[in-house]
Amino acid sequence: MEILLIIYILVFILFALILYAIIQIKLLGIKIRDFWGFIEANEMLDKLYKFAIQYQKMSPQEQVIYLSEAEKIFTAFDKVPKELWDEEYEKYKQVLKKYNDIKMLRWVSN
């Protein structure tokens, strides 16, 4: 019986923490869907950052994929306050630089 009571208390605490997090996100004026998109974009930012550093030359197909993924990241990051992603600014800047380089390269080649 005591174990069941402990489990109920832990589940209640878990739900209370989730509710508290949702309230804090809402108080910042962010939609939950936008915040979740930001979390997913943050993971993709890490991948694109590594890709931008490793690969100096990309095939046209890789460039198109990189551009589309980078645009998704930029859109997600624009929906949340900049204070949330100050730590990721250097990665964001590197991905943006590579994005601009590819756009310029594709513009000159056309």
C-alpha atoms as a PDB file:
ATOM      1  CA  MET A   1       0.000   0.000   0.000  1.00  0.00           C
ATOM      2  CA  GLU A   2       2.855   2.368   0.819  1.00  0.00           C
ATOM      3  CA  ILE A   3       4.506   1.698  -2.530  1.00  0.00           C
ATOM      4  CA  LEU A   4       1.278   2.524  -4.334  1.00  0.00           C
ATOM      5  CA  LEU A   5       1.023   5.795  -2.407  1.00  0.00           C
ATOM      6  CA  ILE A   6       4.622   6.688  -3.333  1.00  0.00           C
ATOM      7  CA  ILE A   7       3.913   5.955  -6.997  1.00  0.00           C
ATOM      8  CA  TYR A   8       0.819   8.198  -6.901  1.00  0.00           C
ATOM      9  CA  ILE A   9       2.820  10.995  -5.305  1.00  0.00           C
ATOM     10  CA  LEU A  10       5.591  10.682  -7.898  1.00  0.00           C
ATOM     11  CA  VAL A  11       3.093  10.711 -10.777  1.00  0.00           C
ATOM     12  CA  PHE A  12       1.418  13.786  -9.263  1.00  0.00           C
ATOM     13  CA  ILE A  13       4.786  15.551  -8.961  1.00  0.00           C
ATOM     14  CA  LEU A  14       5.611  14.663 -12.566  1.00  0.00           C
ATOM     15  CA  PHE A  15       2.329  16.115 -13.838  1.00  0.00           C
ATOM     16  CA  ALA A  16       2.763  19.196 -11.658  1.00  0.00           C
ATOM     17  CA  LEU A  17       6.236  19.816 -13.135  1.00  0.00           C
ATOM     18  CA  ILE A  18       4.952  19.391 -16.685  1.00  0.00           C
ATOM     19  CA  LEU A  19       2.071  21.765 -15.982  1.00  0.00           C
ATOM     20  CA  TYR A  20       4.484  24.277 -14.427  1.00  0.00           C
ATOM     21  CA  ALA A  21       6.724  24.124 -17.510  1.00  0.00           C
ATOM     22  CA  ILE A  22       3.746  24.655 -19.814  1.00  0.00           C
ATOM     23  CA  ILE A  23       2.588  27.642 -17.776  1.00  0.00           C
ATOM     24  CA  GLN A  24       6.069  29.177 -17.887  1.00  0.00           C
ATOM     25  CA  ILE A  25       6.239  28.736 -21.669  1.00  0.00           C
ATOM     26  CA  LYS A  26       2.785  30.315 -22.042  1.00  0.00           C
ATOM     27  CA  LEU A  27       3.802  33.244 -19.811  1.00  0.00           C
ATOM     28  CA  LEU A  28       6.697  33.935 -22.163  1.00  0.00           C
ATOM     29  CA  GLY A  29       4.142  34.268 -24.945  1.00  0.00           C
ATOM     30  CA  ILE A  30       5.318  31.199 -26.832  1.00  0.00           C
ATOM     31  CA  LYS A  31       3.006  28.590 -28.274  1.00  0.00           C
ATOM     32  CA  ILE A  32       3.777  25.048 -27.129  1.00  0.00           C
ATOM     33  CA  ARG A  33       3.973  23.866 -30.736  1.00  0.00           C
ATOM     34  CA  ASP A  34       6.512  26.616 -31.544  1.00  0.00           C
ATOM     35  CA  PHE A  35       8.576  25.692 -28.488  1.00  0.00           C
ATOM     36  CA  TRP A  36       8.575  22.018 -29.466  1.00  0.00           C
ATOM     37  CA  GLY A  37       9.616  23.017 -32.992  1.00  0.00           C
ATOM     38  CA  PHE A  38      12.434  25.041 -31.452  1.00  0.00           C
ATOM     39  CA  ILE A  39      13.657  21.992 -29.520  1.00  0.00           C
ATOM     40  CA  GLU A  40      13.637  19.879 -32.692  1.00  0.00           C
ATOM     41  CA  ALA A  41      15.337  22.681 -34.655  1.00  0.00           C
ATOM     42  CA  ASN A  42      17.986  22.920 -31.973  1.00  0.00           C
ATOM     43  CA  GLU A  43      18.853  19.265 -32.518  1.00  0.00           C
ATOM     44  CA  MET A  44      18.994  19.827 -36.282  1.00  0.00           C
ATOM     45  CA  LEU A  45      21.168  22.900 -35.735  1.00  0.00           C
ATOM     46  CA  ASP A  46      23.806  20.706 -34.119  1.00  0.00           C
ATOM     47  CA  LYS A  47      23.775  18.364 -37.114  1.00  0.00           C
ATOM     48  CA  LEU A  48      23.954  21.187 -39.664  1.00  0.00           C
ATOM     49  CA  TYR A  49      26.713  22.867 -37.683  1.00  0.00           C
ATOM     50  CA  LYS A  50      28.853  19.721 -37.851  1.00  0.00           C
ATOM     51  CA  PHE A  51      27.992  19.351 -41.525  1.00  0.00           C
ATOM     52  CA  ALA A  52      28.924  22.979 -42.259  1.00  0.00           C
ATOM     53  CA  ILE A  53      32.294  22.537 -40.605  1.00  0.00           C
ATOM     54  CA  GLN A  54      33.166  19.182 -42.172  1.00  0.00           C
ATOM     55  CA  TYR A  55      32.109  19.719 -45.758  1.00  0.00           C
ATOM     56  CA  GLN A  56      33.566  22.605 -47.682  1.00  0.00           C
ATOM     57  CA  LYS A  57      32.266  21.432 -51.063  1.00  0.00           C
ATOM     58  CA  MET A  58      28.798  20.001 -51.441  1.00  0.00           C
ATOM     59  CA  SER A  59      27.050  18.485 -54.388  1.00  0.00           C
ATOM     60  CA  PRO A  60      24.048  20.413 -55.739  1.00  0.00           C
ATOM     61  CA  GLN A  61      21.706  17.898 -54.114  1.00  0.00           C
ATOM     62  CA  GLU A  62      23.441  18.286 -50.733  1.00  0.00           C
ATOM     63  CA  GLN A  63      23.208  22.058 -51.108  1.00  0.00           C
ATOM     64  CA  VAL A  64      19.463  21.924 -51.681  1.00  0.00           C
ATOM     65  CA  ILE A  65      18.980  19.671 -48.653  1.00  0.00           C
ATOM     66  CA  TYR A  66      21.184  21.920 -46.524  1.00  0.00           C
ATOM     67  CA  LEU A  67      19.282  25.034 -47.625  1.00  0.00           C
ATOM     68  CA  SER A  68      15.864  23.549 -46.894  1.00  0.00           C
ATOM     69  CA  GLU A  69      16.889  22.246 -43.463  1.00  0.00           C
ATOM     70  CA  ALA A  70      18.549  25.549 -42.581  1.00  0.00           C
ATOM     71  CA  GLU A  71      15.409  27.468 -43.537  1.00  0.00           C
ATOM     72  CA  LYS A  72      13.361  25.251 -41.217  1.00  0.00           C
ATOM     73  CA  ILE A  73      15.787  26.021 -38.404  1.00  0.00           C
ATOM     74  CA  PHE A  74      15.701  29.752 -39.053  1.00  0.00           C
ATOM     75  CA  THR A  75      11.898  29.717 -39.010  1.00  0.00           C
ATOM     76  CA  ALA A  76      11.761  27.786 -35.725  1.00  0.00           C
ATOM     77  CA  PHE A  77      14.363  30.006 -34.076  1.00  0.00           C
ATOM     78  CA  ASP A  78      12.490  33.146 -35.154  1.00  0.00           C
ATOM     79  CA  LYS A  79       9.400  32.010 -33.258  1.00  0.00           C
ATOM     80  CA  VAL A  80      11.064  31.979 -29.821  1.00  0.00           C
ATOM     81  CA  PRO A  81      12.782  34.785 -27.904  1.00  0.00           C
ATOM     82  CA  LYS A  82      16.484  35.177 -28.560  1.00  0.00           C
ATOM     83  CA  GLU A  83      17.240  34.744 -24.866  1.00  0.00           C
ATOM     84  CA  LEU A  84      16.388  31.049 -25.172  1.00  0.00           C
ATOM     85  CA  TRP A  85      19.077  30.393 -27.749  1.00  0.00           C
ATOM     86  CA  ASP A  86      21.930  32.679 -26.719  1.00  0.00           C
ATOM     87  CA  GLU A  87      24.082  29.621 -26.027  1.00  0.00           C
ATOM     88  CA  GLU A  88      23.544  28.331 -29.552  1.00  0.00           C
ATOM     89  CA  TYR A  89      24.286  31.651 -31.269  1.00  0.00           C
ATOM     90  CA  GLU A  90      27.735  30.645 -32.563  1.00  0.00           C
ATOM     91  CA  LYS A  91      26.350  27.489 -34.162  1.00  0.00           C
ATOM     92  CA  TYR A  92      23.450  29.469 -35.596  1.00  0.00           C
ATOM     93  CA  LYS A  93      25.851  32.046 -37.011  1.00  0.00           C
ATOM     94  CA  GLN A  94      28.046  29.341 -38.600  1.00  0.00           C
ATOM     95  CA  VAL A  95      25.030  27.631 -40.199  1.00  0.00           C
ATOM     96  CA  LEU A  96      23.768  31.005 -41.427  1.00  0.00           C
ATOM     97  CA  LYS A  97      27.190  31.805 -42.914  1.00  0.00           C
ATOM     98  CA  LYS A  98      27.285  28.497 -44.781  1.00  0.00           C
ATOM     99  CA  TYR A  99      23.672  29.067 -45.882  1.00  0.00           C
ATOM    100  CA  ASN A 100      24.567  32.484 -47.297  1.00  0.00           C
ATOM    101  CA  ASP A 101      27.676  31.072 -48.999  1.00  0.00           C
ATOM    102  CA  ILE A 102      25.650  28.355 -50.706  1.00  0.00           C
ATOM    103  CA  LYS A 103      22.946  30.826 -51.742  1.00  0.00           C
ATOM    104  CA  MET A 104      25.578  33.153 -53.214  1.00  0.00           C
ATOM    105  CA  LEU A 105      27.335  30.276 -54.987  1.00  0.00           C
ATOM    106  CA  ARG A 106      24.078  29.047 -56.483  1.00  0.00           C
ATOM    107  CA  TRP A 107      23.091  32.603 -57.490  1.00  0.00           C
ATOM    108  CA  VAL A 108      26.444  33.184 -59.253  1.00  0.00           C
ATOM    109  CA  SER A 109      26.290  29.818 -61.037  1.00  0.00           C
ATOM    110  CA  ASN A 110      22.808  30.576 -62.381  1.00  0.00           C
END
